């Protein structure tokens, strides 16, 4: 009898997880299509108007889903109960991700959100905070204009970049984190994004370029934070 109930419970649990996986897969596919076809926000399921395009802009900047999720969580994680992995993966898998087009879609969504009054007064500050961290150590010579600069132009918005705060966000921390937490986060990220980890892969040349960009961002952020302790 016990084995029968255990079997039924196992089937129910398995069914639940299969349903959840299918739901996440369908959500991700729908978000991906929205980015590829520039569907106007709000998009069903996104935590706030423009969230999907903000994730796409962050993915465009860092070229890595895990790091993009970390940046989104560092600014919005405690505020919205959402799976940033789904949104960032969808943006990453979208074909022909164009930084300017994504920024224009984001600007349109932000204007709509502000017009409807569905965002708090600090919303714009938070949007630029996450872009600040995603663009940390940005190579303007090779990458061109920062998405945040273009977004500010589209919104006719003036903002001041906070380099130190952005450095903490790069490491996925807030500005009152301890030095011990900073060092721990740096060790973990530096090990993960060190280009040497990818040299043996078939597409190593492309991966190593992305990894090196992110490794430089992480190292620069770490050094920026350490400078305040000197």
Protein backbone atom coordinates (compact mmCIF):
# COMPACT_ATOMS: atom_id res chain seq x y z
CA UNK A 1 0.00 0.00 0.00
CA UNK A 2 2.81 2.37 0.92
CA UNK A 3 4.55 1.69 -2.39
CA UNK A 4 1.31 2.51 -4.24
CA UNK A 5 0.96 5.89 -2.52
CA UNK A 6 4.66 6.57 -3.02
CA UNK A 7 4.31 5.78 -6.71
CA UNK A 8 1.32 8.13 -7.05
CA UNK A 9 3.17 10.89 -5.22
CA UNK A 10 6.19 10.42 -7.48
CA UNK A 11 3.99 10.65 -10.57
CA UNK A 12 2.34 13.82 -9.28
CA UNK A 13 5.69 15.45 -8.48
CA UNK A 14 7.13 14.40 -11.84
CA UNK A 15 4.06 15.74 -13.62
CA UNK A 16 4.36 19.04 -11.76
CA UNK A 17 7.99 19.53 -12.78
CA UNK A 18 7.29 18.52 -16.38
CA UNK A 19 4.45 21.06 -16.49
CA UNK A 20 6.72 23.73 -15.00
CA UNK A 21 9.50 22.99 -17.51
CA UNK A 22 7.03 23.14 -20.42
CA UNK A 23 5.66 26.44 -19.11
CA UNK A 24 9.15 27.95 -18.85
CA UNK A 25 10.02 26.66 -22.34
CA UNK A 26 6.89 28.21 -23.86
CA UNK A 27 7.49 31.50 -22.02
CA UNK A 28 11.07 31.63 -23.27
CA UNK A 29 9.97 30.91 -26.84
CA UNK A 30 7.32 33.65 -26.66
CA UNK A 31 9.82 36.16 -25.28
CA UNK A 32 12.35 35.22 -27.95
CA UNK A 33 9.75 35.84 -30.69
CA UNK A 34 8.86 39.18 -29.08
CA UNK A 35 12.49 40.35 -29.24
CA UNK A 36 12.97 39.10 -32.82
CA UNK A 37 9.74 40.72 -34.02
CA UNK A 38 10.05 43.83 -31.81
CA UNK A 39 6.64 43.29 -30.22
CA UNK A 40 5.60 46.47 -28.36
CA UNK A 41 5.64 46.38 -24.56
CA UNK A 42 3.96 45.54 -22.26
CA UNK A 43 4.54 41.86 -23.04
CA UNK A 44 2.51 39.33 -21.10
CA UNK A 45 4.50 37.90 -18.22
CA UNK A 46 7.28 40.49 -17.96
CA UNK A 47 7.58 41.94 -14.43
CA UNK A 48 7.41 45.54 -15.63
CA UNK A 49 6.91 47.28 -18.94
CA UNK A 50 10.22 47.07 -20.83
CA UNK A 51 11.79 44.33 -18.67
CA UNK A 52 12.36 42.02 -21.63
CA UNK A 53 14.06 44.73 -23.69
CA UNK A 54 16.16 45.80 -20.71
CA UNK A 55 17.33 42.19 -20.36
CA UNK A 56 18.08 42.17 -24.09
CA UNK A 57 20.13 45.36 -23.75
CA UNK A 58 22.11 43.87 -20.85
CA UNK A 59 22.69 40.62 -22.77
CA UNK A 60 23.83 42.69 -25.76
CA UNK A 61 26.34 44.51 -23.52
CA UNK A 62 27.83 41.55 -21.66
CA UNK A 63 27.31 38.72 -24.18
CA UNK A 64 26.66 36.22 -21.40
CA UNK A 65 23.33 35.03 -19.95
CA UNK A 66 24.63 34.19 -16.46
CA UNK A 67 26.29 37.56 -16.04
CA UNK A 68 23.24 39.37 -17.46
CA UNK A 69 21.01 37.62 -14.92
CA UNK A 70 23.42 38.61 -12.16
CA UNK A 71 23.23 42.26 -13.24
CA UNK A 72 19.42 42.24 -13.35
CA UNK A 73 19.18 40.57 -9.94
CA UNK A 74 21.64 43.03 -8.41
CA UNK A 75 19.27 45.91 -9.18
CA UNK A 76 15.77 44.40 -9.44
CA UNK A 77 16.10 41.03 -7.68
CA UNK A 78 14.58 42.00 -4.34
CA UNK A 79 11.80 43.99 -5.97
CA UNK A 80 10.31 41.59 -8.50
CA UNK A 81 9.55 37.91 -8.09
CA UNK A 82 10.50 36.80 -11.58
CA UNK A 83 12.82 34.33 -13.30
CA UNK A 84 15.42 36.56 -14.93
CA UNK A 85 17.03 33.46 -16.46
CA UNK A 86 14.04 32.96 -18.77
CA UNK A 87 14.05 36.59 -19.94
CA UNK A 88 17.82 36.75 -20.47
CA UNK A 89 18.02 33.36 -22.21
CA UNK A 90 15.22 34.39 -24.54
CA UNK A 91 17.04 37.61 -25.43
CA UNK A 92 20.32 35.75 -25.90
CA UNK A 93 18.77 33.19 -28.26
CA UNK A 94 17.02 35.83 -30.40
CA UNK A 95 18.46 36.07 -33.90
CA UNK A 96 20.20 39.28 -34.95
CA UNK A 97 20.12 41.05 -31.60
CA UNK A 98 20.63 44.70 -32.51
CA UNK A 99 21.71 47.08 -29.75
CA UNK A 100 20.18 50.22 -31.28
CA UNK A 101 16.85 48.56 -32.06
CA UNK A 102 16.65 47.01 -28.59
CA UNK A 103 17.39 50.41 -27.04
CA UNK A 104 14.68 52.06 -29.13
CA UNK A 105 12.16 49.40 -28.05
CA UNK A 106 13.23 49.90 -24.44
CA UNK A 107 12.78 53.67 -24.73
CA UNK A 108 9.29 53.19 -26.15
CA UNK A 109 8.37 50.81 -23.31
CA UNK A 110 9.72 53.18 -20.66
CA UNK A 111 7.74 56.11 -22.09
CA UNK A 112 4.60 53.97 -22.01
CA UNK A 113 5.27 52.87 -18.44
CA UNK A 114 5.83 56.44 -17.25
CA UNK A 115 2.73 57.69 -19.08
CA UNK A 116 0.53 55.07 -17.44
CA UNK A 117 2.04 55.80 -14.05
CA UNK A 118 2.78 52.13 -13.40
CA UNK A 119 6.35 52.64 -12.23
CA UNK A 120 7.80 54.18 -9.09
CA UNK A 121 9.74 57.50 -9.16
CA UNK A 122 13.13 55.75 -8.97
CA UNK A 123 12.41 53.49 -11.96
CA UNK A 124 14.57 55.37 -14.46
CA UNK A 125 17.43 55.53 -11.98
CA UNK A 126 17.27 51.75 -11.61
CA UNK A 127 17.19 51.19 -15.37
CA UNK A 128 20.34 53.25 -15.84
CA UNK A 129 21.96 51.59 -12.82
CA UNK A 130 21.68 48.16 -14.43
CA UNK A 131 22.93 49.52 -17.76
CA UNK A 132 25.82 51.20 -15.93
CA UNK A 133 26.94 47.85 -14.55
CA UNK A 134 26.46 46.10 -17.91
CA UNK A 135 28.54 48.76 -19.68
CA UNK A 136 31.28 48.90 -17.05
CA UNK A 137 34.70 49.20 -18.79
CA UNK A 138 32.89 49.69 -22.11
CA UNK A 139 35.19 49.77 -25.16
CA UNK A 140 33.76 52.72 -27.12
CA UNK A 141 36.45 52.44 -29.81
CA UNK A 142 35.33 48.96 -30.88
CA UNK A 143 31.73 48.90 -29.66
CA UNK A 144 30.58 52.42 -30.44
CA UNK A 145 28.06 54.42 -28.42
CA UNK A 146 26.81 53.01 -25.14
CA UNK A 147 23.16 51.90 -25.14
CA UNK A 148 22.64 53.99 -21.99
CA UNK A 149 23.77 57.13 -23.79
CA UNK A 150 21.44 56.45 -26.71
CA UNK A 151 18.60 55.67 -24.32
CA UNK A 152 19.17 58.93 -22.43
CA UNK A 153 18.99 60.81 -25.74
CA UNK A 154 15.74 59.07 -26.71
CA UNK A 155 14.19 59.84 -23.33
CA UNK A 156 15.66 63.34 -23.08
CA UNK A 157 16.97 62.25 -19.69
CA UNK A 158 20.13 63.38 -17.93
CA UNK A 159 21.87 60.96 -15.65
CA UNK A 160 25.25 60.81 -13.91
CA UNK A 161 27.10 57.54 -14.04
CA UNK A 162 28.05 56.22 -10.59
CA UNK A 163 31.22 54.24 -11.30
CA UNK A 164 31.69 52.88 -7.78
CA UNK A 165 28.08 51.70 -7.47
CA UNK A 166 28.29 50.15 -10.95
CA UNK A 167 31.45 48.30 -9.89
CA UNK A 168 29.57 46.66 -7.02
CA UNK A 169 26.72 45.71 -9.37
CA UNK A 170 29.20 44.07 -11.78
CA UNK A 171 30.08 41.71 -8.93
CA UNK A 172 26.39 41.23 -8.13
CA UNK A 173 26.66 43.13 -4.83
CA UNK A 174 25.26 46.29 -3.29
CA UNK A 175 27.41 49.20 -2.24
CA UNK A 176 27.39 48.34 1.50
CA UNK A 177 28.84 44.86 0.97
CA UNK A 178 31.88 44.01 3.06
CA UNK A 179 35.40 43.65 1.66
CA UNK A 180 35.17 39.92 2.44
CA UNK A 181 32.03 39.63 0.28
CA UNK A 182 33.71 41.62 -2.49
CA UNK A 183 36.74 39.32 -2.52
CA UNK A 184 34.57 36.21 -2.48
CA UNK A 185 32.43 37.44 -5.38
CA UNK A 186 35.53 38.43 -7.34
CA UNK A 187 37.18 35.03 -6.88
CA UNK A 188 34.06 33.23 -8.09
CA UNK A 189 33.52 35.45 -11.14
CA UNK A 190 37.20 35.69 -12.11
CA UNK A 191 37.44 31.89 -12.10
CA UNK A 192 34.26 31.51 -14.13
CA UNK A 193 35.12 34.07 -16.80
CA UNK A 194 38.84 33.50 -17.14
CA UNK A 195 39.50 33.03 -20.91
CA UNK A 196 41.85 30.09 -20.28
CA UNK A 197 38.82 27.94 -19.45
CA UNK A 198 37.64 28.09 -23.08
CA UNK A 199 40.84 27.68 -25.09
CA UNK A 200 40.18 23.99 -25.82
CA UNK A 201 36.70 24.54 -27.27
CA UNK A 202 36.00 24.51 -31.01
CA UNK A 203 34.61 28.06 -31.00
CA UNK A 204 37.27 29.29 -28.59
CA UNK A 205 38.21 32.40 -30.59
CA UNK A 206 34.73 33.89 -30.27
CA UNK A 207 34.19 32.70 -26.71
CA UNK A 208 37.58 33.89 -25.57
CA UNK A 209 36.83 37.40 -26.89
CA UNK A 210 33.57 37.54 -24.94
CA UNK A 211 35.19 36.02 -21.86
CA UNK A 212 38.09 38.47 -22.01
CA UNK A 213 35.69 41.44 -22.20
CA UNK A 214 33.82 40.21 -19.14
CA UNK A 215 37.02 39.24 -17.33
CA UNK A 216 38.32 42.79 -17.86
CA UNK A 217 35.02 44.21 -16.58
CA UNK A 218 35.24 42.05 -13.46
CA UNK A 219 38.89 42.90 -12.79
CA UNK A 220 38.31 46.62 -13.35
CA UNK A 221 35.27 46.60 -11.06
CA UNK A 222 37.25 44.81 -8.36
CA UNK A 223 40.14 47.26 -8.59
CA UNK A 224 37.72 50.21 -8.51
CA UNK A 225 36.21 48.93 -5.26
CA UNK A 226 39.60 48.17 -3.69
CA UNK A 227 40.78 51.72 -4.41
CA UNK A 228 38.36 53.08 -1.82
CA UNK A 229 40.11 51.01 0.88
CA UNK A 230 43.56 52.40 0.13
